[in-house]
C-alpha atoms as a PDB file:
ATOM      1  CA  UNK A   1     -96.042-101.938  73.181  1.00  0.00           C
ATOM      2  CA  UNK A   2     -92.334-102.421  72.558  1.00  0.00           C
ATOM      3  CA  UNK A   3     -89.722 -99.708  72.613  1.00  0.00           C
ATOM      4  CA  UNK A   4     -86.034-100.410  72.056  1.00  0.00           C
ATOM      5  CA  UNK A   5     -83.320 -97.770  72.116  1.00  0.00           C
ATOM      6  CA  UNK A   6     -79.550 -98.007  72.262  1.00  0.00           C
ATOM      7  CA  UNK A   7     -79.386 -98.048  76.050  1.00  0.00           C
ATOM      8  CA  UNK A   8     -82.714 -99.588  77.091  1.00  0.00           C
ATOM      9  CA  UNK A   9     -85.912-101.286  75.942  1.00  0.00           C
ATOM     10  CA  UNK A  10     -89.516-101.421  77.184  1.00  0.00           C
ATOM     11  CA  UNK A  11     -92.280-103.982  76.602  1.00  0.00           C
ATOM     12  CA  UNK A  12     -95.767-103.940  78.169  1.00  0.00           C
ATOM     13  CA  UNK A  13     -96.731-107.516  79.064  1.00  0.00           C
ATOM     14  CA  UNK A  14    -100.334-106.529  79.771  1.00  0.00           C
ATOM     15  CA  UNK A  15    -100.674-104.906  76.364  1.00  0.00           C
ATOM     16  CA  UNK A  16     -99.126-107.973  74.765  1.00  0.00           C
ATOM     17  CA  UNK A  17    -101.804-110.124  76.384  1.00  0.00           C
ATOM     18  CA  UNK A  18    -104.589-107.707  75.418  1.00  0.00           C
ATOM     19  CA  UNK A  19    -103.484-107.669  71.770  1.00  0.00           C
ATOM     20  CA  UNK A  20    -103.134-111.459  71.465  1.00  0.00           C
ATOM     21  CA  UNK A  21    -105.684-113.375  69.420  1.00  0.00           C
ATOM     22  CA  UNK A  22    -105.403-116.613  71.424  1.00  0.00           C
ATOM     23  CA  UNK A  23    -106.105-117.419  75.077  1.00  0.00           C
ATOM     24  CA  UNK A  24    -102.586-118.716  75.663  1.00  0.00           C
ATOM     25  CA  UNK A  25     -99.431-117.318  74.162  1.00  0.00           C
ATOM     26  CA  UNK A  26     -95.934-115.939  74.493  1.00  0.00           C
ATOM     27  CA  UNK A  27     -94.399-112.511  74.664  1.00  0.00           C
ATOM     28  CA  UNK A  28     -90.929-112.997  73.151  1.00  0.00           C
ATOM     29  CA  UNK A  29     -88.954-110.647  75.367  1.00  0.00           C
ATOM     30  CA  UNK A  30     -85.483-111.901  74.465  1.00  0.00           C
ATOM     31  CA  UNK A  31     -86.022-111.301  70.787  1.00  0.00           C
ATOM     32  CA  UNK A  32     -88.102-108.126  71.056  1.00  0.00           C
ATOM     33  CA  UNK A  33     -85.692-106.448  73.455  1.00  0.00           C
ATOM     34  CA  UNK A  34     -82.559-108.014  71.949  1.00  0.00           C
ATOM     35  CA  UNK A  35     -81.462-109.496  75.283  1.00  0.00           C
ATOM     36  CA  UNK A  36     -78.090-111.187  74.886  1.00  0.00           C
ATOM     37  CA  UNK A  37     -77.020-112.068  78.434  1.00  0.00           C
ATOM     38  CA  UNK A  38     -79.808-114.525  79.378  1.00  0.00           C
ATOM     39  CA  UNK A  39     -82.973-116.135  78.087  1.00  0.00           C
ATOM     40  CA  UNK A  40     -86.209-114.399  79.031  1.00  0.00           C
ATOM     41  CA  UNK A  41     -89.796-114.703  77.846  1.00  0.00           C
ATOM     42  CA  UNK A  42     -93.305-114.389  79.229  1.00  0.00           C
ATOM     43  CA  UNK A  43     -96.364-116.600  78.877  1.00  0.00           C
ATOM     44  CA  UNK A  44     -99.981-115.639  79.480  1.00  0.00           C
ATOM     45  CA  UNK A  45    -103.286-117.412  79.948  1.00  0.00           C
ATOM     46  CA  UNK A  46    -106.604-115.579  79.724  1.00  0.00           C
ATOM     47  CA  UNK A  47    -108.683-118.267  81.444  1.00  0.00           C
ATOM     48  CA  UNK A  48    -108.399-119.598  84.978  1.00  0.00           C
ATOM     49  CA  UNK A  49    -108.211-123.392  85.058  1.00  0.00           C
ATOM     50  CA  UNK A  50    -106.294-123.652  81.777  1.00  0.00           C
ATOM     51  CA  UNK A  51    -102.611-124.449  81.328  1.00  0.00           C
ATOM     52  CA  UNK A  52    -100.118-121.630  81.681  1.00  0.00           C
ATOM     53  CA  UNK A  53     -96.891-123.627  81.307  1.00  0.00           C
ATOM     54  CA  UNK A  54     -97.083-126.998  79.584  1.00  0.00           C
ATOM     55  CA  UNK A  55     -95.283-129.859  81.302  1.00  0.00           C
ATOM     56  CA  UNK A  56     -91.680-130.019  80.178  1.00  0.00           C
ATOM     57  CA  UNK A  57     -88.084-130.175  81.298  1.00  0.00           C
ATOM     58  CA  UNK A  58     -84.967-128.476  79.982  1.00  0.00           C
ATOM     59  CA  UNK A  59     -82.850-131.615  79.536  1.00  0.00           C
ATOM     60  CA  UNK A  60     -84.029-132.786  76.117  1.00  0.00           C
ATOM     61  CA  UNK A  61     -82.635-131.982  72.673  1.00  0.00           C
ATOM     62  CA  UNK A  62     -84.923-128.987  72.219  1.00  0.00           C
ATOM     63  CA  UNK A  63     -83.349-127.123  75.136  1.00  0.00           C
ATOM     64  CA  UNK A  64     -79.864-126.238  76.343  1.00  0.00           C
ATOM     65  CA  UNK A  65     -80.040-127.652  79.882  1.00  0.00           C
ATOM     66  CA  UNK A  66     -80.564-124.335  81.621  1.00  0.00           C
ATOM     67  CA  UNK A  67     -81.832-123.451  85.093  1.00  0.00           C
ATOM     68  CA  UNK A  68     -85.107-121.547  85.077  1.00  0.00           C
ATOM     69  CA  UNK A  69     -86.801-118.934  87.250  1.00  0.00           C
ATOM     70  CA  UNK A  70     -90.547-118.302  86.991  1.00  0.00           C
ATOM     71  CA  UNK A  71     -92.155-115.155  88.424  1.00  0.00           C
ATOM     72  CA  UNK A  72     -95.921-114.592  88.494  1.00  0.00           C
ATOM     73  CA  UNK A  73     -96.274-110.933  87.564  1.00  0.00           C
ATOM     74  CA  UNK A  74    -100.074-110.903  87.156  1.00  0.00           C
ATOM     75  CA  UNK A  75    -102.857-113.243  88.254  1.00  0.00           C
ATOM     76  CA  UNK A  76    -101.940-116.540  89.886  1.00  0.00           C
ATOM     77  CA  UNK A  77    -101.097-120.159  89.161  1.00  0.00           C
ATOM     78  CA  UNK A  78    -100.619-123.611  90.591  1.00  0.00           C
ATOM     79  CA  UNK A  79     -97.232-125.017  89.625  1.00  0.00           C
ATOM     80  CA  UNK A  80     -96.371-128.699  89.682  1.00  0.00           C
ATOM     81  CA  UNK A  81     -92.616-129.180  90.066  1.00  0.00           C
ATOM     82  CA  UNK A  82     -91.162-132.669  90.445  1.00  0.00           C
ATOM     83  CA  UNK A  83     -94.635-133.906  91.349  1.00  0.00           C
ATOM     84  CA  UNK A  84     -95.194-131.320  94.089  1.00  0.00           C
ATOM     85  CA  UNK A  85     -97.967-128.715  93.797  1.00  0.00           C
ATOM     86  CA  UNK A  86     -97.045-125.126  94.651  1.00  0.00           C
ATOM     87  CA  UNK A  87     -99.554-122.312  95.077  1.00  0.00           C
ATOM     88  CA  UNK A  88     -98.169-119.281  93.238  1.00  0.00           C
ATOM     89  CA  UNK A  89    -100.174-116.056  93.635  1.00  0.00           C
ATOM     90  CA  UNK A  90     -98.956-112.803  92.089  1.00  0.00           C
ATOM     91  CA  UNK A  91     -95.433-111.982  93.221  1.00  0.00           C
ATOM     92  CA  UNK A  92     -94.313-115.612  93.676  1.00  0.00           C
ATOM     93  CA  UNK A  93     -90.911-116.689  92.325  1.00  0.00           C
ATOM     94  CA  UNK A  94     -90.173-120.371  91.645  1.00  0.00           C
ATOM     95  CA  UNK A  95     -86.646-121.496  90.759  1.00  0.00           C
ATOM     96  CA  UNK A  96     -86.127-124.869  89.060  1.00  0.00           C
ATOM     97  CA  UNK A  97     -82.457-125.686  89.481  1.00  0.00           C
ATOM     98  CA  UNK A  98     -82.295-129.147  87.865  1.00  0.00           C
ATOM     99  CA  UNK A  99     -82.871-129.027  84.080  1.00  0.00           C
ATOM    100  CA  UNK A 100     -84.253-132.571  84.191  1.00  0.00           C
ATOM    101  CA  UNK A 101     -87.059-131.690  86.619  1.00  0.00           C
ATOM    102  CA  UNK A 102     -90.544-131.779  85.130  1.00  0.00           C
ATOM    103  CA  UNK A 103     -92.542-128.617  85.640  1.00  0.00           C
ATOM    104  CA  UNK A 104     -95.950-127.264  84.578  1.00  0.00           C
ATOM    105  CA  UNK A 105     -98.480-124.654  85.678  1.00  0.00           C
ATOM    106  CA  UNK A 106    -102.217-123.993  85.506  1.00  0.00           C
ATOM    107  CA  UNK A 107    -103.637-120.478  85.836  1.00  0.00           C
ATOM    108  CA  UNK A 108    -105.784-119.894  88.916  1.00  0.00           C
ATOM    109  CA  UNK A 109    -106.932-116.438  87.787  1.00  0.00           C
ATOM    110  CA  UNK A 110    -107.940-114.913  84.478  1.00  0.00           C
ATOM    111  CA  UNK A 111    -105.276-112.950  82.587  1.00  0.00           C
ATOM    112  CA  UNK A 112    -102.333-114.566  84.334  1.00  0.00           C
ATOM    113  CA  UNK A 113     -98.805-113.701  83.190  1.00  0.00           C
ATOM    114  CA  UNK A 114     -95.613-115.546  84.140  1.00  0.00           C
ATOM    115  CA  UNK A 115     -92.090-114.322  83.422  1.00  0.00           C
ATOM    116  CA  UNK A 116     -89.486-117.027  82.740  1.00  0.00           C
ATOM    117  CA  UNK A 117     -85.731-116.374  82.921  1.00  0.00           C
ATOM    118  CA  UNK A 118     -83.133-119.034  82.150  1.00  0.00           C
ATOM    119  CA  UNK A 119     -79.451-119.691  81.682  1.00  0.00           C
ATOM    120  CA  UNK A 120     -76.719-122.280  82.242  1.00  0.00           C
ATOM    121  CA  UNK A 121     -74.794-121.888  85.481  1.00  0.00           C
ATOM    122  CA  UNK A 122     -71.230-120.689  84.955  1.00  0.00           C
ATOM    123  CA  UNK A 123     -71.542-120.378  81.179  1.00  0.00           C
ATOM    124  CA  UNK A 124     -72.066-117.545  78.748  1.00  0.00           C
ATOM    125  CA  UNK A 125     -75.612-117.484  77.423  1.00  0.00           C
ATOM    126  CA  UNK A 126     -76.512-118.522  73.913  1.00  0.00           C
ATOM    127  CA  UNK A 127     -79.993-119.244  72.506  1.00  0.00           C
ATOM    128  CA  UNK A 128     -80.990-122.899  72.717  1.00  0.00           C
ATOM    129  CA  UNK A 129     -81.860-125.089  69.710  1.00  0.00           C
ATOM    130  CA  UNK A 130     -85.470-123.930  69.603  1.00  0.00           C
ATOM    131  CA  UNK A 131     -84.513-120.262  69.714  1.00  0.00           C
ATOM    132  CA  UNK A 132     -81.773-120.835  67.131  1.00  0.00           C
ATOM    133  CA  UNK A 133     -84.530-121.827  64.686  1.00  0.00           C
ATOM    134  CA  UNK A 134     -86.123-118.393  65.072  1.00  0.00           C
ATOM    135  CA  UNK A 135     -89.330-118.005  63.093  1.00  0.00           C
ATOM    136  CA  UNK A 136     -90.019-121.741  62.883  1.00  0.00           C
ATOM    137  CA  UNK A 137     -93.172-121.892  64.993  1.00  0.00           C
ATOM    138  CA  UNK A 138     -94.759-118.807  63.427  1.00  0.00           C
ATOM    139  CA  UNK A 139     -94.143-120.205  59.942  1.00  0.00           C
ATOM    140  CA  UNK A 140     -95.398-123.649  60.937  1.00  0.00           C
ATOM    141  CA  UNK A 141     -98.618-122.231  62.414  1.00  0.00           C
ATOM    142  CA  UNK A 142     -99.121-120.307  59.166  1.00  0.00           C
ATOM    143  CA  UNK A 143     -98.551-123.568  57.212  1.00  0.00           C
ATOM    144  CA  UNK A 144     -95.596-121.963  55.477  1.00  0.00           C
ATOM    145  CA  UNK A 145     -93.571-125.148  55.619  1.00  0.00           C
ATOM    146  CA  UNK A 146     -90.815-123.991  53.292  1.00  0.00           C
ATOM    147  CA  UNK A 147     -90.016-121.043  55.560  1.00  0.00           C
ATOM    148  CA  UNK A 148     -90.274-123.303  58.618  1.00  0.00           C
ATOM    149  CA  UNK A 149     -87.781-125.689  57.025  1.00  0.00           C
ATOM    150  CA  UNK A 150     -85.378-122.824  56.342  1.00  0.00           C
ATOM    151  CA  UNK A 151     -85.604-121.852  60.015  1.00  0.00           C
ATOM    152  CA  UNK A 152     -84.758-125.370  61.215  1.00  0.00           C
ATOM    153  CA  UNK A 153     -81.813-125.540  58.832  1.00  0.00           C
ATOM    154  CA  UNK A 154     -80.524-122.246  60.272  1.00  0.00           C
ATOM    155  CA  UNK A 155     -80.835-123.801  63.705  1.00  0.00           C
ATOM    156  CA  UNK A 156     -78.745-126.760  62.582  1.00  0.00           C
ATOM    157  CA  UNK A 157     -75.945-124.391  61.635  1.00  0.00           C
ATOM    158  CA  UNK A 158     -75.688-123.472  65.327  1.00  0.00           C
ATOM    159  CA  UNK A 159     -76.494-126.974  66.642  1.00  0.00           C
ATOM    160  CA  UNK A 160     -75.253-129.540  64.080  1.00  0.00           C
ATOM    161  CA  UNK A 161     -76.877-132.938  64.490  1.00  0.00           C
ATOM    162  CA  UNK A 162     -79.412-131.763  67.090  1.00  0.00           C
ATOM    163  CA  UNK A 163     -82.239-134.302  67.393  1.00  0.00           C
ATOM    164  CA  UNK A 164     -84.975-131.707  67.964  1.00  0.00           C
ATOM    165  CA  UNK A 165     -84.055-129.751  64.858  1.00  0.00           C
ATOM    166  CA  UNK A 166     -83.619-132.903  62.763  1.00  0.00           C
ATOM    167  CA  UNK A 167     -87.058-134.068  63.857  1.00  0.00           C
ATOM    168  CA  UNK A 168     -88.578-130.833  62.622  1.00  0.00           C
ATOM    169  CA  UNK A 169     -86.623-131.057  59.361  1.00  0.00           C
ATOM    170  CA  UNK A 170     -88.234-134.474  58.953  1.00  0.00           C
ATOM    171  CA  UNK A 171     -91.696-133.065  59.700  1.00  0.00           C
ATOM    172  CA  UNK A 172     -91.388-130.162  57.274  1.00  0.00           C
ATOM    173  CA  UNK A 173     -89.865-132.318  54.558  1.00  0.00           C
ATOM    174  CA  UNK A 174     -92.730-134.811  54.885  1.00  0.00           C
ATOM    175  CA  UNK A 175     -95.291-132.024  54.636  1.00  0.00           C
ATOM    176  CA  UNK A 176     -93.497-130.688  51.557  1.00  0.00           C
ATOM    177  CA  UNK A 177     -93.512-134.128  49.899  1.00  0.00           C
ATOM    178  CA  UNK A 178     -89.761-134.772  50.166  1.00  0.00           C
ATOM    179  CA  UNK A 179     -89.928-138.342  51.463  1.00  0.00           C
ATOM    180  CA  UNK A 180     -86.226-139.144  51.184  1.00  0.00           C
ATOM    181  CA  UNK A 181     -85.092-136.113  53.195  1.00  0.00           C
ATOM    182  CA  UNK A 182     -87.861-136.700  55.740  1.00  0.00           C
ATOM    183  CA  UNK A 183     -86.876-140.316  56.348  1.00  0.00           C
ATOM    184  CA  UNK A 184     -83.152-139.532  56.491  1.00  0.00           C
ATOM    185  CA  UNK A 185     -83.647-136.715  59.016  1.00  0.00           C
ATOM    186  CA  UNK A 186     -86.061-138.789  61.093  1.00  0.00           C
ATOM    187  CA  UNK A 187     -83.603-141.696  61.198  1.00  0.00           C
ATOM    188  CA  UNK A 188     -80.879-139.396  62.538  1.00  0.00           C
ATOM    189  CA  UNK A 189     -83.271-137.819  65.026  1.00  0.00           C
ATOM    190  CA  UNK A 190     -84.599-141.024  66.600  1.00  0.00           C
ATOM    191  CA  UNK A 191     -81.092-142.493  66.727  1.00  0.00           C
ATOM    192  CA  UNK A 192     -80.065-139.568  68.932  1.00  0.00           C
ATOM    193  CA  UNK A 193     -83.276-139.278  70.993  1.00  0.00           C
ATOM    194  CA  UNK A 194     -85.372-142.452  71.155  1.00  0.00           C
ATOM    195  CA  UNK A 195     -88.521-140.824  72.661  1.00  0.00           C
ATOM    196  CA  UNK A 196     -89.081-139.237  69.244  1.00  0.00           C
ATOM    197  CA  UNK A 197     -90.116-142.679  67.954  1.00  0.00           C
ATOM    198  CA  UNK A 198     -93.305-142.558  69.999  1.00  0.00           C
ATOM    199  CA  UNK A 199     -93.894-138.918  69.090  1.00  0.00           C
ATOM    200  CA  UNK A 200     -93.501-139.655  65.386  1.00  0.00           C
ATOM    201  CA  UNK A 201     -95.964-142.568  65.509  1.00  0.00           C
ATOM    202  CA  UNK A 202     -98.794-140.199  66.399  1.00  0.00           C
ATOM    203  CA  UNK A 203     -97.562-137.062  64.613  1.00  0.00           C
ATOM    204  CA  UNK A 204     -99.941-135.913  61.864  1.00  0.00           C
ATOM    205  CA  UNK A 205     -97.019-134.282  60.056  1.00  0.00           C
ATOM    206  CA  UNK A 206     -96.052-137.801  58.980  1.00  0.00           C
ATOM    207  CA  UNK A 207     -99.438-138.890  57.618  1.00  0.00           C
ATOM    208  CA  UNK A 208     -97.994-139.213  54.105  1.00  0.00           C
ATOM    209  CA  UNK A 209     -95.315-141.601  55.388  1.00  0.00           C
ATOM    210  CA  UNK A 210     -97.423-143.842  57.618  1.00  0.00           C
ATOM    211  CA  UNK A 211     -97.527-146.691  55.078  1.00  0.00           C
ATOM    212  CA  UNK A 212     -93.875-146.437  54.107  1.00  0.00           C
ATOM    213  CA  UNK A 213     -91.997-149.546  55.349  1.00  0.00           C
ATOM    214  CA  UNK A 214     -88.943-147.412  56.202  1.00  0.00           C
ATOM    215  CA  UNK A 215     -91.058-145.132  58.391  1.00  0.00           C
ATOM    216  CA  UNK A 216     -92.744-148.097  60.098  1.00  0.00           C
ATOM    217  CA  UNK A 217     -89.328-149.586  60.858  1.00  0.00           C
ATOM    218  CA  UNK A 218     -87.933-146.287  62.159  1.00  0.00           C
ATOM    219  CA  UNK A 219     -90.730-145.720  64.669  1.00  0.00           C
ATOM    220  CA  UNK A 220     -91.231-149.303  65.774  1.00  0.00           C
ATOM    221  CA  UNK A 221     -91.267-149.738  69.563  1.00  0.00           C
END
């Protein structure tokens, strides 16, 4: 359930979980409630023992270097933050101050929900590169690669030259058969963020380019 009026908005996280078709997913609170002052979303996991938050940091090109607060609002989880395990039953709040700190979580109870709130200290909020490409992941999952490409190009308008967005332009262009654009975007992406070389070597989006000498050179270790 989502209700948005001029002065307030309401979303039921439990109903969002119940209506979801997959065991793990997101409830896009920022977008659904039109939150403009900070980033906020929720993730859920139906099954205990499965991942709730995939390992990541907020220092790479797909993020905006923000601090992040996690609150377990239903169920429970075990977080791993900077290599340290933290038991997080319902009601626990975990604040990750350093954007470069690795963090992840595994649900310890069925139907676990975690709320995540983020922002850059001392700066006005704006959506990060991933959020700026709104609609990309939904289109990609639906194999609507043209729409996904349009979303990444919109993201580049807000974040010109961003390696994360360029990488996804390369992926979508490869899937759409546009080899030249794919290779050009990939070259720019890996030049800005070298870890994308390793990612690209195993990325099935680039199957059509695997034998291309330019691709082989771009992703060489």
